[in-house]
Amino acid sequence: MNHPALYELEYLFECEAGIIEEGIPWVYGDAKFRLARENREIDFIIGIANRCGEIIMRVDHRSLLQLEIRITWGTSLELQR
């Protein structure tokens, strides 16, 4: 499977990745990127091995939106809300 290197994702999101499960290479677990400005946060959680991800938007630590993304064979993208 062809996937980006972790440093490429860190460059894209302009922040260091938070590894969800320490000790497991990120391509087999999940990597989390958080963008925070004042009272707003967006988390991007990427799971390369299981082809899924999540986007969570918060204001004042309250979740406003949570999207689960799954990439399946034969389709380009499915969004589940």
N, C-alpha and C. Protein backbone atom coordinates (compact mmCIF):
# COMPACT_ATOMS: atom_id res chain seq x y z
N MET A 1 0.85 -1.16 0.00
CA MET A 1 0.00 0.00 0.00
C MET A 1 0.90 1.24 0.00
N ASN A 2 0.58 2.19 -0.83
CA ASN A 2 1.34 3.42 -0.93
C ASN A 2 0.70 4.48 -0.03
N HIS A 3 1.44 5.02 0.91
CA HIS A 3 0.90 6.01 1.84
C HIS A 3 1.95 7.08 2.10
N PRO A 4 1.52 8.25 2.56
CA PRO A 4 2.49 9.31 2.85
C PRO A 4 3.33 8.97 4.09
N ALA A 5 4.51 9.53 4.12
CA ALA A 5 5.35 9.40 5.32
C ALA A 5 4.79 10.31 6.41
N LEU A 6 5.07 9.98 7.65
CA LEU A 6 4.55 10.75 8.77
C LEU A 6 5.00 12.21 8.70
N TYR A 7 6.25 12.44 8.31
CA TYR A 7 6.73 13.83 8.23
C TYR A 7 5.97 14.62 7.18
N GLU A 8 5.49 13.96 6.11
CA GLU A 8 4.70 14.66 5.10
C GLU A 8 3.36 15.11 5.66
N LEU A 9 2.74 14.28 6.49
CA LEU A 9 1.48 14.67 7.12
C LEU A 9 1.72 15.78 8.15
N GLU A 10 2.83 15.71 8.87
CA GLU A 10 3.15 16.78 9.82
C GLU A 10 3.37 18.11 9.09
N TYR A 11 3.97 18.04 7.93
CA TYR A 11 4.17 19.24 7.12
C TYR A 11 2.82 19.78 6.64
N LEU A 12 1.94 18.90 6.21
CA LEU A 12 0.61 19.28 5.73
C LEU A 12 -0.20 19.97 6.83
N PHE A 13 -0.24 19.37 8.02
CA PHE A 13 -1.04 19.91 9.12
C PHE A 13 -0.29 20.96 9.95
N GLU A 14 1.01 21.15 9.66
CA GLU A 14 1.84 22.12 10.36
C GLU A 14 1.87 21.89 11.88
N CYS A 15 1.90 20.63 12.28
CA CYS A 15 2.04 20.28 13.70
C CYS A 15 2.58 18.86 13.80
N GLU A 16 3.12 18.54 14.97
CA GLU A 16 3.63 17.18 15.18
C GLU A 16 2.47 16.23 15.42
N ALA A 17 2.65 15.01 14.98
CA ALA A 17 1.62 13.99 15.16
C ALA A 17 1.62 13.50 16.59
N GLY A 18 0.43 13.25 17.09
CA GLY A 18 0.29 12.55 18.36
C GLY A 18 -0.01 11.10 18.03
N ILE A 19 0.81 10.20 18.50
CA ILE A 19 0.61 8.79 18.20
C ILE A 19 -0.37 8.23 19.23
N ILE A 20 -1.44 7.61 18.75
CA ILE A 20 -2.49 7.12 19.64
C ILE A 20 -2.00 5.97 20.51
N GLU A 21 -1.30 5.01 19.91
CA GLU A 21 -0.80 3.85 20.65
C GLU A 21 0.73 3.86 20.60
N GLU A 22 1.34 4.29 21.67
CA GLU A 22 2.80 4.35 21.73
C GLU A 22 3.40 2.95 21.55
N GLY A 23 4.52 2.88 20.87
CA GLY A 23 5.21 1.62 20.67
C GLY A 23 4.78 0.87 19.42
N ILE A 24 3.71 1.32 18.79
CA ILE A 24 3.24 0.70 17.55
C ILE A 24 3.51 1.68 16.43
N PRO A 25 4.16 1.25 15.34
CA PRO A 25 4.39 2.17 14.22
C PRO A 25 3.07 2.80 13.75
N TRP A 26 3.11 4.08 13.44
CA TRP A 26 1.87 4.81 13.16
C TRP A 26 1.07 4.22 12.01
N VAL A 27 1.71 3.57 11.04
CA VAL A 27 0.95 3.01 9.91
C VAL A 27 0.09 1.82 10.34
N TYR A 28 0.38 1.22 11.49
CA TYR A 28 -0.44 0.12 11.99
C TYR A 28 -1.44 0.58 13.05
N GLY A 29 -1.26 1.76 13.53
CA GLY A 29 -2.18 2.34 14.52
C GLY A 29 -2.81 3.59 13.93
N ASP A 30 -2.91 4.62 14.73
CA ASP A 30 -3.49 5.88 14.30
C ASP A 30 -2.56 7.03 14.65
N ALA A 31 -2.64 8.08 13.86
CA ALA A 31 -1.92 9.32 14.16
C ALA A 31 -2.96 10.43 14.29
N LYS A 32 -2.70 11.34 15.22
CA LYS A 32 -3.66 12.41 15.49
C LYS A 32 -2.97 13.76 15.30
N PHE A 33 -3.65 14.64 14.58
CA PHE A 33 -3.16 15.99 14.35
C PHE A 33 -4.20 16.96 14.89
N ARG A 34 -3.76 17.91 15.71
CA ARG A 34 -4.70 18.86 16.32
C ARG A 34 -4.31 20.28 15.92
N LEU A 35 -5.29 20.98 15.38
CA LEU A 35 -5.13 22.39 15.08
C LEU A 35 -5.97 23.15 16.10
N ALA A 36 -5.37 24.07 16.83
CA ALA A 36 -6.09 24.81 17.87
C ALA A 36 -5.84 26.30 17.71
N ARG A 37 -6.92 27.05 17.73
CA ARG A 37 -6.88 28.51 17.67
C ARG A 37 -7.87 29.04 18.70
N GLU A 38 -7.39 29.79 19.67
CA GLU A 38 -8.21 30.36 20.73
C GLU A 38 -9.08 29.27 21.36
N ASN A 39 -10.38 29.33 21.20
CA ASN A 39 -11.28 28.35 21.83
C ASN A 39 -11.76 27.29 20.85
N ARG A 40 -11.14 27.20 19.67
CA ARG A 40 -11.56 26.24 18.64
C ARG A 40 -10.48 25.19 18.41
N GLU A 41 -10.91 23.95 18.19
CA GLU A 41 -9.98 22.85 17.91
C GLU A 41 -10.56 21.97 16.81
N ILE A 42 -9.67 21.47 15.98
CA ILE A 42 -10.03 20.45 15.00
C ILE A 42 -9.02 19.32 15.13
N ASP A 43 -9.50 18.11 15.34
CA ASP A 43 -8.65 16.92 15.39
C ASP A 43 -8.82 16.13 14.11
N PHE A 44 -7.71 15.74 13.51
CA PHE A 44 -7.71 14.84 12.37
C PHE A 44 -7.04 13.55 12.85
N ILE A 45 -7.76 12.46 12.86
CA ILE A 45 -7.22 11.17 13.28
C ILE A 45 -7.16 10.29 12.04
N ILE A 46 -5.97 9.80 11.72
CA ILE A 46 -5.76 9.05 10.49
C ILE A 46 -5.29 7.65 10.82
N GLY A 47 -5.97 6.65 10.27
CA GLY A 47 -5.58 5.25 10.41
C GLY A 47 -5.30 4.67 9.04
N ILE A 48 -4.03 4.53 8.70
CA ILE A 48 -3.64 4.05 7.38
C ILE A 48 -4.00 2.58 7.21
N ALA A 49 -3.66 1.74 8.18
CA ALA A 49 -3.84 0.29 8.05
C ALA A 49 -5.30 -0.10 7.91
N ASN A 50 -6.19 0.54 8.65
CA ASN A 50 -7.61 0.16 8.56
C ASN A 50 -8.40 1.10 7.66
N ARG A 51 -7.70 1.95 6.95
CA ARG A 51 -8.30 2.84 5.95
C ARG A 51 -9.47 3.66 6.50
N CYS A 52 -9.26 4.26 7.63
CA CYS A 52 -10.32 5.09 8.19
C CYS A 52 -9.72 6.31 8.87
N GLY A 53 -10.58 7.21 9.20
CA GLY A 53 -10.14 8.42 9.88
C GLY A 53 -11.32 9.09 10.54
N GLU A 54 -11.02 10.18 11.19
CA GLU A 54 -12.06 10.90 11.91
C GLU A 54 -11.68 12.38 11.93
N ILE A 55 -12.69 13.23 11.82
CA ILE A 55 -12.51 14.66 11.95
C ILE A 55 -13.45 15.12 13.06
N ILE A 56 -12.91 15.78 14.07
CA ILE A 56 -13.71 16.24 15.20
C ILE A 56 -13.48 17.74 15.36
N MET A 57 -14.57 18.50 15.36
CA MET A 57 -14.50 19.94 15.55
C MET A 57 -15.09 20.29 16.91
N ARG A 58 -14.38 21.16 17.67
CA ARG A 58 -14.85 21.56 18.99
C ARG A 58 -14.73 23.07 19.16
N VAL A 59 -15.66 23.63 19.92
CA VAL A 59 -15.58 25.01 20.37
C VAL A 59 -15.80 24.99 21.87
N ASP A 60 -14.91 25.64 22.61
CA ASP A 60 -14.97 25.62 24.07
C ASP A 60 -15.05 24.20 24.62
N HIS A 61 -14.31 23.29 24.03
CA HIS A 61 -14.23 21.88 24.44
C HIS A 61 -15.55 21.12 24.26
N ARG A 62 -16.50 21.69 23.53
CA ARG A 62 -17.75 20.99 23.23
C ARG A 62 -17.70 20.53 21.78
N SER A 63 -18.00 19.28 21.54
CA SER A 63 -17.97 18.73 20.20
C SER A 63 -19.13 19.28 19.37
N LEU A 64 -18.79 19.88 18.23
CA LEU A 64 -19.80 20.40 17.31
C LEU A 64 -20.07 19.44 16.16
N LEU A 65 -19.02 18.77 15.72
CA LEU A 65 -19.13 17.91 14.55
C LEU A 65 -18.13 16.77 14.69
N GLN A 66 -18.58 15.57 14.36
CA GLN A 66 -17.69 14.42 14.36
C GLN A 66 -18.00 13.60 13.11
N LEU A 67 -17.02 13.52 12.22
CA LEU A 67 -17.18 12.76 10.98
C LEU A 67 -16.26 11.55 11.01
N GLU A 68 -16.80 10.40 10.67
CA GLU A 68 -16.00 9.19 10.53
C GLU A 68 -15.84 8.95 9.04
N ILE A 69 -14.60 8.75 8.61
CA ILE A 69 -14.30 8.57 7.19
C ILE A 69 -13.75 7.17 6.99
N ARG A 70 -14.32 6.45 6.03
CA ARG A 70 -13.83 5.11 5.69
C ARG A 70 -13.58 5.05 4.19
N ILE A 71 -12.39 4.58 3.83
CA ILE A 71 -12.06 4.40 2.43
C ILE A 71 -12.16 2.92 2.13
N THR A 72 -13.02 2.56 1.20
CA THR A 72 -13.26 1.15 0.87
C THR A 72 -12.80 0.86 -0.55
N TRP A 73 -12.53 -0.40 -0.83
CA TRP A 73 -12.12 -0.81 -2.17
C TRP A 73 -13.24 -0.54 -3.15
N GLY A 74 -12.88 0.01 -4.30
CA GLY A 74 -13.85 0.23 -5.36
C GLY A 74 -14.60 1.56 -5.24
N THR A 75 -14.43 2.27 -4.16
CA THR A 75 -15.03 3.59 -4.02
C THR A 75 -13.95 4.56 -3.59
N SER A 76 -14.22 5.82 -3.79
CA SER A 76 -13.19 6.79 -3.43
C SER A 76 -13.29 7.24 -1.98
N LEU A 77 -14.53 7.50 -1.50
CA LEU A 77 -14.66 8.00 -0.15
C LEU A 77 -16.10 7.87 0.32
N GLU A 78 -16.29 7.46 1.55
CA GLU A 78 -17.61 7.42 2.17
C GLU A 78 -17.56 8.25 3.43
N LEU A 79 -18.51 9.12 3.60
CA LEU A 79 -18.60 9.91 4.83
C LEU A 79 -19.80 9.45 5.62
N GLN A 80 -19.59 9.16 6.89
CA GLN A 80 -20.69 8.75 7.77
C GLN A 80 -20.78 9.76 8.89
N ARG A 81 -21.99 10.20 9.15
CA ARG A 81 -22.16 11.20 10.20
C ARG A 81 -23.03 10.67 11.30
